[in-house]
Amino acid sequence: MKKRKPYAKVKCKRSGKRVLLHRQLVEEHLGRPLLPGEIVHHRDGNSTNNALENLIVLPSQRYHAHIEYHLRREKLGMPSLFPELLQGVKLEAHGTLFGNVCALPVKEPPPVRRPRSRR
């Protein structure tokens, strides 16, 4: 069985429940609760390093798994077809945490075409 990474937990002041420290730090820094599905990623892979410069907010678990897959491949020496996609994750963070929020481009849905009514 695979051993789980150790994550620091703290007691939430509002609800009284135990929450993950890195998620609480990000929420406090952003000034808003994390959206459902948002993932907080540790840049260096060390789950106990909760420095704000080491944390990135990713839009979904799917995107997080995609990033992890490509980082593992790179570690093994396998080249990436699109290395520019990982630049935001690998770069040293400077500035605010909000500047490190990775967002996927959203494609606008096509306009709805309504048939003309004949009178």
N, C-alpha and C. Protein backbone atom coordinates (compact mmCIF):
# COMPACT_ATOMS: atom_id res chain seq x y z
N MET A 1 0.84 -1.18 0.00
CA MET A 1 0.00 0.00 0.00
C MET A 1 0.89 1.24 0.00
N LYS A 2 0.52 2.23 -0.79
CA LYS A 2 1.32 3.44 -0.91
C LYS A 2 1.11 4.34 0.32
N LYS A 3 2.21 4.85 0.84
CA LYS A 3 2.15 5.72 2.02
C LYS A 3 1.68 7.12 1.60
N ARG A 4 0.77 7.67 2.36
CA ARG A 4 0.23 9.00 2.06
C ARG A 4 1.21 10.08 2.51
N LYS A 5 1.17 11.21 1.82
CA LYS A 5 2.02 12.35 2.20
C LYS A 5 1.46 12.99 3.47
N PRO A 6 2.35 13.48 4.34
CA PRO A 6 1.88 14.15 5.55
C PRO A 6 1.47 15.60 5.24
N TYR A 7 0.27 15.95 5.57
CA TYR A 7 -0.21 17.33 5.40
C TYR A 7 -0.55 17.89 6.77
N ALA A 8 -0.15 19.13 7.02
CA ALA A 8 -0.46 19.79 8.29
C ALA A 8 -1.94 20.16 8.32
N LYS A 9 -2.56 19.94 9.46
CA LYS A 9 -3.97 20.29 9.64
C LYS A 9 -4.11 21.24 10.81
N VAL A 10 -5.09 22.13 10.71
CA VAL A 10 -5.38 23.07 11.79
C VAL A 10 -6.89 23.09 12.00
N LYS A 11 -7.30 23.61 13.14
CA LYS A 11 -8.72 23.72 13.44
C LYS A 11 -9.27 25.02 12.86
N CYS A 12 -10.32 24.92 12.07
CA CYS A 12 -10.94 26.09 11.46
C CYS A 12 -11.67 26.89 12.52
N LYS A 13 -11.46 28.21 12.52
CA LYS A 13 -12.10 29.08 13.52
C LYS A 13 -13.60 29.19 13.29
N ARG A 14 -14.02 29.18 12.01
CA ARG A 14 -15.44 29.34 11.70
C ARG A 14 -16.26 28.08 12.00
N SER A 15 -15.79 26.94 11.48
CA SER A 15 -16.59 25.72 11.60
C SER A 15 -16.17 24.82 12.75
N GLY A 16 -14.94 24.98 13.23
CA GLY A 16 -14.45 24.11 14.29
C GLY A 16 -13.91 22.79 13.78
N LYS A 17 -13.98 22.55 12.47
CA LYS A 17 -13.47 21.31 11.87
C LYS A 17 -11.98 21.45 11.60
N ARG A 18 -11.33 20.29 11.46
CA ARG A 18 -9.91 20.27 11.08
C ARG A 18 -9.83 20.43 9.56
N VAL A 19 -8.99 21.36 9.12
CA VAL A 19 -8.81 21.61 7.68
C VAL A 19 -7.32 21.57 7.35
N LEU A 20 -7.02 21.36 6.09
CA LEU A 20 -5.63 21.33 5.65
C LEU A 20 -5.05 22.74 5.68
N LEU A 21 -3.89 22.87 6.29
CA LEU A 21 -3.27 24.18 6.49
C LEU A 21 -3.01 24.91 5.17
N HIS A 22 -2.51 24.19 4.16
CA HIS A 22 -2.19 24.88 2.90
C HIS A 22 -3.44 25.45 2.24
N ARG A 23 -4.57 24.78 2.37
CA ARG A 23 -5.82 25.31 1.80
C ARG A 23 -6.28 26.55 2.57
N GLN A 24 -6.16 26.52 3.90
CA GLN A 24 -6.56 27.66 4.72
C GLN A 24 -5.66 28.87 4.43
N LEU A 25 -4.36 28.65 4.28
CA LEU A 25 -3.44 29.75 3.98
C LEU A 25 -3.80 30.41 2.66
N VAL A 26 -4.11 29.60 1.66
CA VAL A 26 -4.46 30.15 0.34
C VAL A 26 -5.77 30.93 0.43
N GLU A 27 -6.76 30.39 1.12
CA GLU A 27 -8.03 31.10 1.27
C GLU A 27 -7.84 32.46 1.95
N GLU A 28 -7.03 32.49 2.99
CA GLU A 28 -6.76 33.75 3.69
C GLU A 28 -6.03 34.73 2.78
N HIS A 29 -5.07 34.22 2.01
CA HIS A 29 -4.30 35.10 1.13
C HIS A 29 -5.15 35.65 -0.02
N LEU A 30 -6.01 34.80 -0.59
CA LEU A 30 -6.87 35.26 -1.67
C LEU A 30 -8.03 36.11 -1.16
N GLY A 31 -8.39 35.94 0.10
CA GLY A 31 -9.50 36.70 0.66
C GLY A 31 -10.85 36.13 0.25
N ARG A 32 -10.86 34.87 -0.13
CA ARG A 32 -12.11 34.21 -0.52
C ARG A 32 -11.95 32.71 -0.29
N PRO A 33 -13.07 32.01 -0.11
CA PRO A 33 -12.95 30.55 0.00
C PRO A 33 -12.59 29.95 -1.36
N LEU A 34 -11.91 28.83 -1.34
CA LEU A 34 -11.59 28.16 -2.60
C LEU A 34 -12.88 27.64 -3.22
N LEU A 35 -12.93 27.70 -4.53
CA LEU A 35 -14.10 27.21 -5.25
C LEU A 35 -14.11 25.68 -5.20
N PRO A 36 -15.29 25.08 -5.30
CA PRO A 36 -15.33 23.61 -5.35
C PRO A 36 -14.50 23.12 -6.54
N GLY A 37 -13.64 22.18 -6.27
CA GLY A 37 -12.82 21.63 -7.35
C GLY A 37 -11.43 22.25 -7.47
N GLU A 38 -11.21 23.43 -6.89
CA GLU A 38 -9.88 24.05 -6.95
C GLU A 38 -8.90 23.25 -6.10
N ILE A 39 -7.71 23.07 -6.63
CA ILE A 39 -6.67 22.28 -5.98
C ILE A 39 -5.50 23.20 -5.63
N VAL A 40 -4.92 23.01 -4.45
CA VAL A 40 -3.72 23.74 -4.07
C VAL A 40 -2.54 22.79 -4.25
N HIS A 41 -1.62 23.17 -5.12
CA HIS A 41 -0.47 22.33 -5.48
C HIS A 41 0.79 22.89 -4.84
N HIS A 42 1.63 22.00 -4.29
CA HIS A 42 2.94 22.38 -3.74
C HIS A 42 3.95 22.30 -4.88
N ARG A 43 4.56 23.41 -5.25
CA ARG A 43 5.51 23.45 -6.37
C ARG A 43 6.65 22.46 -6.21
N ASP A 44 7.25 22.40 -5.02
CA ASP A 44 8.43 21.55 -4.82
C ASP A 44 8.08 20.11 -4.46
N GLY A 45 6.80 19.80 -4.34
CA GLY A 45 6.38 18.44 -4.02
C GLY A 45 6.45 18.12 -2.54
N ASN A 46 6.94 19.05 -1.72
CA ASN A 46 7.04 18.84 -0.28
C ASN A 46 5.74 19.31 0.37
N SER A 47 4.95 18.34 0.84
CA SER A 47 3.63 18.68 1.39
C SER A 47 3.70 19.42 2.72
N THR A 48 4.87 19.48 3.33
CA THR A 48 4.99 20.21 4.59
C THR A 48 5.50 21.63 4.38
N ASN A 49 5.91 21.98 3.16
CA ASN A 49 6.39 23.33 2.86
C ASN A 49 5.18 24.17 2.44
N ASN A 50 4.61 24.89 3.39
CA ASN A 50 3.40 25.67 3.14
C ASN A 50 3.68 27.15 2.94
N ALA A 51 4.87 27.49 2.47
CA ALA A 51 5.18 28.89 2.16
C ALA A 51 4.33 29.31 0.96
N LEU A 52 3.80 30.54 0.99
CA LEU A 52 2.93 30.99 -0.09
C LEU A 52 3.61 30.95 -1.46
N GLU A 53 4.93 31.13 -1.48
CA GLU A 53 5.65 31.08 -2.76
C GLU A 53 5.67 29.66 -3.33
N ASN A 54 5.41 28.67 -2.50
CA ASN A 54 5.44 27.28 -2.92
C ASN A 54 4.06 26.75 -3.32
N LEU A 55 3.03 27.54 -3.15
CA LEU A 55 1.67 27.07 -3.41
C LEU A 55 1.09 27.69 -4.68
N ILE A 56 0.39 26.86 -5.45
CA ILE A 56 -0.30 27.31 -6.66
C ILE A 56 -1.73 26.80 -6.60
N VAL A 57 -2.67 27.61 -7.03
CA VAL A 57 -4.06 27.18 -7.12
C VAL A 57 -4.32 26.72 -8.55
N LEU A 58 -4.76 25.48 -8.68
CA LEU A 58 -5.09 24.91 -9.99
C LEU A 58 -6.60 24.75 -10.09
N PRO A 59 -7.15 24.88 -11.30
CA PRO A 59 -8.61 24.91 -11.44
C PRO A 59 -9.32 23.59 -11.19
N SER A 60 -8.63 22.44 -11.34
CA SER A 60 -9.32 21.17 -11.16
C SER A 60 -8.33 20.05 -10.86
N GLN A 61 -8.85 18.93 -10.37
CA GLN A 61 -8.03 17.76 -10.11
C GLN A 61 -7.50 17.20 -11.43
N ARG A 62 -8.28 17.30 -12.47
CA ARG A 62 -7.86 16.81 -13.78
C ARG A 62 -6.62 17.56 -14.27
N TYR A 63 -6.63 18.88 -14.13
CA TYR A 63 -5.48 19.70 -14.53
C TYR A 63 -4.27 19.38 -13.65
N HIS A 64 -4.51 19.18 -12.35
CA HIS A 64 -3.44 18.84 -11.42
C HIS A 64 -2.80 17.51 -11.81
N ALA A 65 -3.60 16.51 -12.13
CA ALA A 65 -3.07 15.21 -12.53
C ALA A 65 -2.27 15.33 -13.83
N HIS A 66 -2.73 16.17 -14.73
CA HIS A 66 -2.04 16.39 -16.00
C HIS A 66 -0.65 17.00 -15.75
N ILE A 67 -0.60 17.99 -14.90
CA ILE A 67 0.67 18.65 -14.55
C ILE A 67 1.62 17.64 -13.89
N GLU A 68 1.11 16.87 -12.92
CA GLU A 68 1.93 15.88 -12.22
C GLU A 68 2.50 14.85 -13.20
N TYR A 69 1.69 14.41 -14.14
CA TYR A 69 2.13 13.43 -15.14
C TYR A 69 3.32 13.97 -15.94
N HIS A 70 3.21 15.19 -16.41
CA HIS A 70 4.28 15.77 -17.22
C HIS A 70 5.53 16.07 -16.39
N LEU A 71 5.36 16.46 -15.13
CA LEU A 71 6.52 16.69 -14.27
C LEU A 71 7.26 15.39 -13.98
N ARG A 72 6.51 14.28 -13.77
CA ARG A 72 7.14 12.98 -13.56
C ARG A 72 7.90 12.53 -14.80
N ARG A 73 7.30 12.74 -15.98
CA ARG A 73 7.96 12.35 -17.24
C ARG A 73 9.26 13.15 -17.41
N GLU A 74 9.21 14.44 -17.09
CA GLU A 74 10.40 15.27 -17.21
C GLU A 74 11.51 14.80 -16.25
N LYS A 75 11.11 14.41 -15.04
CA LYS A 75 12.07 13.92 -14.05
C LYS A 75 12.78 12.66 -14.56
N LEU A 76 12.06 11.83 -15.32
CA LEU A 76 12.63 10.59 -15.86
C LEU A 76 13.42 10.83 -17.13
N GLY A 77 13.50 12.09 -17.58
CA GLY A 77 14.28 12.41 -18.77
C GLY A 77 13.52 12.33 -20.07
N MET A 78 12.21 12.20 -20.01
CA MET A 78 11.41 12.16 -21.22
C MET A 78 11.02 13.57 -21.62
N PRO A 79 11.30 13.98 -22.85
CA PRO A 79 11.00 15.35 -23.26
C PRO A 79 9.49 15.59 -23.39
N SER A 80 9.11 16.82 -23.20
CA SER A 80 7.72 17.23 -23.35
C SER A 80 7.53 17.89 -24.71
N LEU A 81 6.41 17.62 -25.34
CA LEU A 81 6.13 18.25 -26.63
C LEU A 81 5.87 19.74 -26.48
N PHE A 82 5.28 20.13 -25.36
CA PHE A 82 4.91 21.53 -25.14
C PHE A 82 5.46 21.99 -23.79
N PRO A 83 6.77 22.24 -23.69
CA PRO A 83 7.34 22.62 -22.39
C PRO A 83 6.82 23.96 -21.88
N GLU A 84 6.32 24.81 -22.76
CA GLU A 84 5.82 26.12 -22.32
C GLU A 84 4.58 25.99 -21.45
N LEU A 85 3.86 24.86 -21.53
CA LEU A 85 2.67 24.67 -20.70
C LEU A 85 3.02 24.51 -19.22
N LEU A 86 4.25 24.08 -18.93
CA LEU A 86 4.65 23.86 -17.54
C LEU A 86 5.43 25.02 -16.96
N GLN A 87 5.65 26.06 -17.72
CA GLN A 87 6.48 27.18 -17.23
C GLN A 87 5.89 27.82 -15.99
N GLY A 88 4.58 28.01 -15.93
CA GLY A 88 3.96 28.64 -14.78
C GLY A 88 4.08 27.82 -13.51
N VAL A 89 4.19 26.50 -13.66
CA VAL A 89 4.28 25.62 -12.50
C VAL A 89 5.72 25.54 -12.00
N LYS A 90 6.68 25.54 -12.92
CA LYS A 90 8.08 25.33 -12.55
C LYS A 90 8.80 26.61 -12.16
N LEU A 91 8.35 27.76 -12.61
CA LEU A 91 9.04 29.02 -12.33
C LEU A 91 9.02 29.34 -10.85
N GLU A 92 10.04 30.03 -10.42
CA GLU A 92 10.07 30.52 -9.05
C GLU A 92 8.98 31.59 -8.93
N ALA A 93 8.20 31.51 -7.88
CA ALA A 93 7.08 32.44 -7.71
C ALA A 93 7.56 33.77 -7.16
N HIS A 94 7.12 34.82 -7.78
CA HIS A 94 7.37 36.18 -7.28
C HIS A 94 6.05 36.92 -7.38
N GLY A 95 5.76 37.75 -6.42
CA GLY A 95 4.51 38.49 -6.47
C GLY A 95 3.46 37.81 -5.61
N THR A 96 2.23 37.94 -6.02
CA THR A 96 1.13 37.44 -5.22
C THR A 96 0.75 36.03 -5.61
N LEU A 97 0.06 35.36 -4.72
CA LEU A 97 -0.43 34.02 -5.00
C LEU A 97 -1.47 34.08 -6.12
N PHE A 98 -2.26 35.15 -6.14
CA PHE A 98 -3.30 35.25 -7.16
C PHE A 98 -2.68 35.31 -8.55
N GLY A 99 -1.46 35.83 -8.66
CA GLY A 99 -0.78 35.85 -9.94
C GLY A 99 -0.38 34.47 -10.40
N ASN A 100 -0.37 33.49 -9.48
CA ASN A 100 0.00 32.13 -9.82
C ASN A 100 -1.20 31.22 -10.03
N VAL A 101 -2.39 31.78 -10.07
CA VAL A 101 -3.57 30.96 -10.33
C VAL A 101 -3.55 30.57 -11.80
N CYS A 102 -3.50 29.29 -12.05
CA CYS A 102 -3.47 28.80 -13.43
C CYS A 102 -4.90 28.61 -13.90
N ALA A 103 -5.20 29.14 -15.02
CA ALA A 103 -6.55 28.99 -15.57
C ALA A 103 -6.46 28.46 -16.98
N LEU A 104 -7.37 27.59 -17.29
CA LEU A 104 -7.44 27.06 -18.64
C LEU A 104 -8.28 28.00 -19.49
N PRO A 105 -7.91 28.21 -20.76
CA PRO A 105 -8.72 29.07 -21.60
C PRO A 105 -10.10 28.45 -21.82
N VAL A 106 -11.10 29.28 -21.70
CA VAL A 106 -12.47 28.81 -21.86
C VAL A 106 -12.94 29.17 -23.26
N LYS A 107 -13.43 28.18 -23.96
CA LYS A 107 -13.92 28.41 -25.31
C LYS A 107 -15.37 28.87 -25.22
N GLU A 108 -15.67 29.96 -25.91
CA GLU A 108 -17.04 30.48 -25.91
C GLU A 108 -17.93 29.53 -26.69
N PRO A 109 -19.14 29.26 -26.19
CA PRO A 109 -20.04 28.40 -26.95
C PRO A 109 -20.52 29.13 -28.20
N PRO A 110 -20.82 28.39 -29.26
CA PRO A 110 -21.29 29.05 -30.47
C PRO A 110 -22.64 29.70 -30.22
N PRO A 111 -22.93 30.79 -30.94
CA PRO A 111 -24.22 31.45 -30.73
C PRO A 111 -25.36 30.54 -31.17
N VAL A 112 -26.47 30.65 -30.46
CA VAL A 112 -27.64 29.83 -30.77
C VAL A 112 -28.34 30.45 -31.98
N ARG A 113 -28.54 29.62 -32.98
CA ARG A 113 -29.23 30.11 -34.18
C ARG A 113 -30.69 29.67 -34.09
N ARG A 114 -31.54 30.64 -34.15
CA ARG A 114 -32.98 30.35 -34.08
C ARG A 114 -33.57 30.41 -35.47
N PRO A 115 -34.39 29.45 -35.80
CA PRO A 115 -35.01 29.50 -37.13
C PRO A 115 -35.99 30.66 -37.23
N ARG A 116 -36.01 31.26 -38.38
CA ARG A 116 -36.95 32.37 -38.59
C ARG A 116 -38.38 31.84 -38.65
N SER A 117 -39.26 32.60 -38.08
CA SER A 117 -40.67 32.20 -38.14
C SER A 117 -41.27 32.77 -39.42
N ARG A 118 -42.01 31.94 -40.11
CA ARG A 118 -42.67 32.38 -41.35
C ARG A 118 -44.12 32.72 -41.04
N ARG A 119 -44.50 33.87 -41.52
CA ARG A 119 -45.88 34.31 -41.27
C ARG A 119 -46.65 34.36 -42.53
